Amino acid sequence: MDDLDFTQDEQTTQYIKRKGVYLIKVLEFENSKHKEGYNKTHFIKFKVEDEVTGNKTNLLFWMPKQGESPERTALKKKLIKEFLENLGCNLGQ
């Protein structure tokens, strides 16, 4: 995963712009641990493609950090868990 490249010519890519439900395919995955020298808020980034239209977008999830409120930490965990479950990942209980 060290060779992931999220820089693509925006003129040739049609990005998902409307709200709704999509059948998507994950094209690429990156997290802040893959960025040498990165010491800011950790994240997970997915590049996805709508399997119907071929439009693409990047989804960025910020990871919980020390000192955040329990509510904010719970929300961040819930969002990433629900995204992965909706992709079909079995995360258990």
C-alpha atoms as a PDB file:
ATOM      1  CA  MET A   1       0.000   0.000   0.000  1.00  0.00           C
ATOM      2  CA  ASP A   2       3.005   2.281   0.086  1.00  0.00           C
ATOM      3  CA  ASP A   3       2.566   3.095  -3.607  1.00  0.00           C
ATOM      4  CA  LEU A   4      -0.981   4.482  -3.347  1.00  0.00           C
ATOM      5  CA  ASP A   5      -1.455   7.627  -5.392  1.00  0.00           C
ATOM      6  CA  PHE A   6      -4.560   9.718  -4.797  1.00  0.00           C
ATOM      7  CA  THR A   7      -3.442  12.443  -7.195  1.00  0.00           C
ATOM      8  CA  GLN A   8      -5.367  12.078 -10.420  1.00  0.00           C
ATOM      9  CA  ASP A   9      -6.272  14.574 -13.090  1.00  0.00           C
ATOM     10  CA  GLU A  10      -9.632  15.940 -11.920  1.00  0.00           C
ATOM     11  CA  GLN A  11     -10.604  16.792 -15.484  1.00  0.00           C
ATOM     12  CA  THR A  12     -10.779  13.100 -16.412  1.00  0.00           C
ATOM     13  CA  THR A  13     -12.590  11.950 -13.255  1.00  0.00           C
ATOM     14  CA  GLN A  14     -16.315  12.367 -12.688  1.00  0.00           C
ATOM     15  CA  TYR A  15     -16.857  12.789  -8.963  1.00  0.00           C
ATOM     16  CA  ILE A  16     -19.924  11.683  -7.006  1.00  0.00           C
ATOM     17  CA  LYS A  17     -21.740  14.893  -6.121  1.00  0.00           C
ATOM     18  CA  ARG A  18     -25.274  13.969  -5.076  1.00  0.00           C
ATOM     19  CA  LYS A  19     -26.525  12.555  -1.802  1.00  0.00           C
ATOM     20  CA  GLY A  20     -27.971   9.077  -1.905  1.00  0.00           C
ATOM     21  CA  VAL A  21     -27.313   5.374  -1.780  1.00  0.00           C
ATOM     22  CA  TYR A  22     -24.610   3.913  -4.000  1.00  0.00           C
ATOM     23  CA  LEU A  23     -23.264   0.524  -4.951  1.00  0.00           C
ATOM     24  CA  ILE A  24     -19.578   1.267  -4.555  1.00  0.00           C
ATOM     25  CA  LYS A  25     -16.263  -0.456  -5.036  1.00  0.00           C
ATOM     26  CA  VAL A  26     -13.214   0.525  -2.984  1.00  0.00           C
ATOM     27  CA  LEU A  27     -10.382   1.331  -5.392  1.00  0.00           C
ATOM     28  CA  GLU A  28      -7.700   2.435  -2.958  1.00  0.00           C
ATOM     29  CA  PHE A  29      -7.071   2.710   0.756  1.00  0.00           C
ATOM     30  CA  GLU A  30      -4.664   4.900   2.675  1.00  0.00           C
ATOM     31  CA  ASN A  31      -4.168   5.824   6.287  1.00  0.00           C
ATOM     32  CA  SER A  32      -1.980   8.339   8.032  1.00  0.00           C
ATOM     33  CA  LYS A  33       0.448   5.605   9.081  1.00  0.00           C
ATOM     34  CA  HIS A  34       1.456   5.281   5.401  1.00  0.00           C
ATOM     35  CA  LYS A  35       2.664   8.901   5.336  1.00  0.00           C
ATOM     36  CA  GLU A  36       6.225   9.157   6.560  1.00  0.00           C
ATOM     37  CA  GLY A  37       6.708  11.982   9.037  1.00  0.00           C
ATOM     38  CA  TYR A  38       2.964  12.638   9.394  1.00  0.00           C
ATOM     39  CA  ASN A  39       2.219  13.547  13.015  1.00  0.00           C
ATOM     40  CA  LYS A  40      -1.162  15.270  12.844  1.00  0.00           C
ATOM     41  CA  THR A  41      -4.630  13.807  13.435  1.00  0.00           C
ATOM     42  CA  HIS A  42      -4.746  10.244  12.132  1.00  0.00           C
ATOM     43  CA  PHE A  43      -7.150   9.362   9.334  1.00  0.00           C
ATOM     44  CA  ILE A  44      -8.352   6.589   7.052  1.00  0.00           C
ATOM     45  CA  LYS A  45      -9.025   7.476   3.420  1.00  0.00           C
ATOM     46  CA  PHE A  46     -10.895   5.402   0.833  1.00  0.00           C
ATOM     47  CA  LYS A  47     -11.103   6.146  -2.876  1.00  0.00           C
ATOM     48  CA  VAL A  48     -14.380   4.646  -4.104  1.00  0.00           C
ATOM     49  CA  GLU A  49     -16.204   4.259  -7.403  1.00  0.00           C
ATOM     50  CA  ASP A  50     -19.958   4.139  -8.042  1.00  0.00           C
ATOM     51  CA  GLU A  51     -20.351   0.828  -9.871  1.00  0.00           C
ATOM     52  CA  VAL A  52     -23.351   2.121 -11.845  1.00  0.00           C
ATOM     53  CA  THR A  53     -22.023   5.433 -13.186  1.00  0.00           C
ATOM     54  CA  GLY A  54     -18.276   5.007 -12.732  1.00  0.00           C
ATOM     55  CA  ASN A  55     -18.109   8.293 -10.784  1.00  0.00           C
ATOM     56  CA  LYS A  56     -15.508   8.431  -8.032  1.00  0.00           C
ATOM     57  CA  THR A  57     -14.958  10.184  -4.737  1.00  0.00           C
ATOM     58  CA  ASN A  58     -12.634  10.145  -1.728  1.00  0.00           C
ATOM     59  CA  LEU A  59     -13.996   9.343   1.729  1.00  0.00           C
ATOM     60  CA  LEU A  60     -11.953  10.552   4.673  1.00  0.00           C
ATOM     61  CA  PHE A  61     -12.552   9.418   8.243  1.00  0.00           C
ATOM     62  CA  TRP A  62     -10.726  11.134  11.121  1.00  0.00           C
ATOM     63  CA  MET A  63      -9.641   8.784  13.875  1.00  0.00           C
ATOM     64  CA  PRO A  64     -10.304   9.485  17.557  1.00  0.00           C
ATOM     65  CA  LYS A  65      -7.525  11.336  19.303  1.00  0.00           C
ATOM     66  CA  GLN A  66      -6.477  11.613  22.895  1.00  0.00           C
ATOM     67  CA  GLY A  67      -8.322  14.287  24.852  1.00  0.00           C
ATOM     68  CA  GLU A  68     -11.508  14.270  22.747  1.00  0.00           C
ATOM     69  CA  SER A  69     -14.857  13.936  24.447  1.00  0.00           C
ATOM     70  CA  PRO A  70     -16.217  10.405  24.810  1.00  0.00           C
ATOM     71  CA  GLU A  71     -19.188  11.403  22.648  1.00  0.00           C
ATOM     72  CA  ARG A  72     -16.983  12.577  19.800  1.00  0.00           C
ATOM     73  CA  THR A  73     -14.810   9.458  20.033  1.00  0.00           C
ATOM     74  CA  ALA A  74     -17.916   7.232  19.991  1.00  0.00           C
ATOM     75  CA  LEU A  75     -19.295   9.049  16.934  1.00  0.00           C
ATOM     76  CA  LYS A  76     -16.049   8.673  14.971  1.00  0.00           C
ATOM     77  CA  LYS A  77     -15.898   4.957  15.788  1.00  0.00           C
ATOM     78  CA  LYS A  78     -19.566   4.521  14.868  1.00  0.00           C
ATOM     79  CA  LEU A  79     -19.149   6.215  11.467  1.00  0.00           C
ATOM     80  CA  ILE A  80     -16.187   4.112  10.372  1.00  0.00           C
ATOM     81  CA  LYS A  81     -17.788   0.910  11.708  1.00  0.00           C
ATOM     82  CA  GLU A  82     -21.054   1.562   9.852  1.00  0.00           C
ATOM     83  CA  PHE A  83     -19.186   2.379   6.639  1.00  0.00           C
ATOM     84  CA  LEU A  84     -17.206  -0.870   6.805  1.00  0.00           C
ATOM     85  CA  GLU A  85     -20.310  -2.909   7.688  1.00  0.00           C
ATOM     86  CA  ASN A  86     -22.161  -1.378   4.732  1.00  0.00           C
ATOM     87  CA  LEU A  87     -19.270  -2.516   2.539  1.00  0.00           C
ATOM     88  CA  GLY A  88     -19.928  -6.029   3.755  1.00  0.00           C
ATOM     89  CA  CYS A  89     -17.184  -6.346   6.358  1.00  0.00           C
ATOM     90  CA  ASN A  90     -18.054  -8.603   9.285  1.00  0.00           C
ATOM     91  CA  LEU A  91     -16.661  -6.738  12.280  1.00  0.00           C
ATOM     92  CA  GLY A  92     -18.263  -8.896  14.986  1.00  0.00           C
ATOM     93  CA  GLN A  93     -19.690  -7.452  18.162  1.00  0.00           C
END
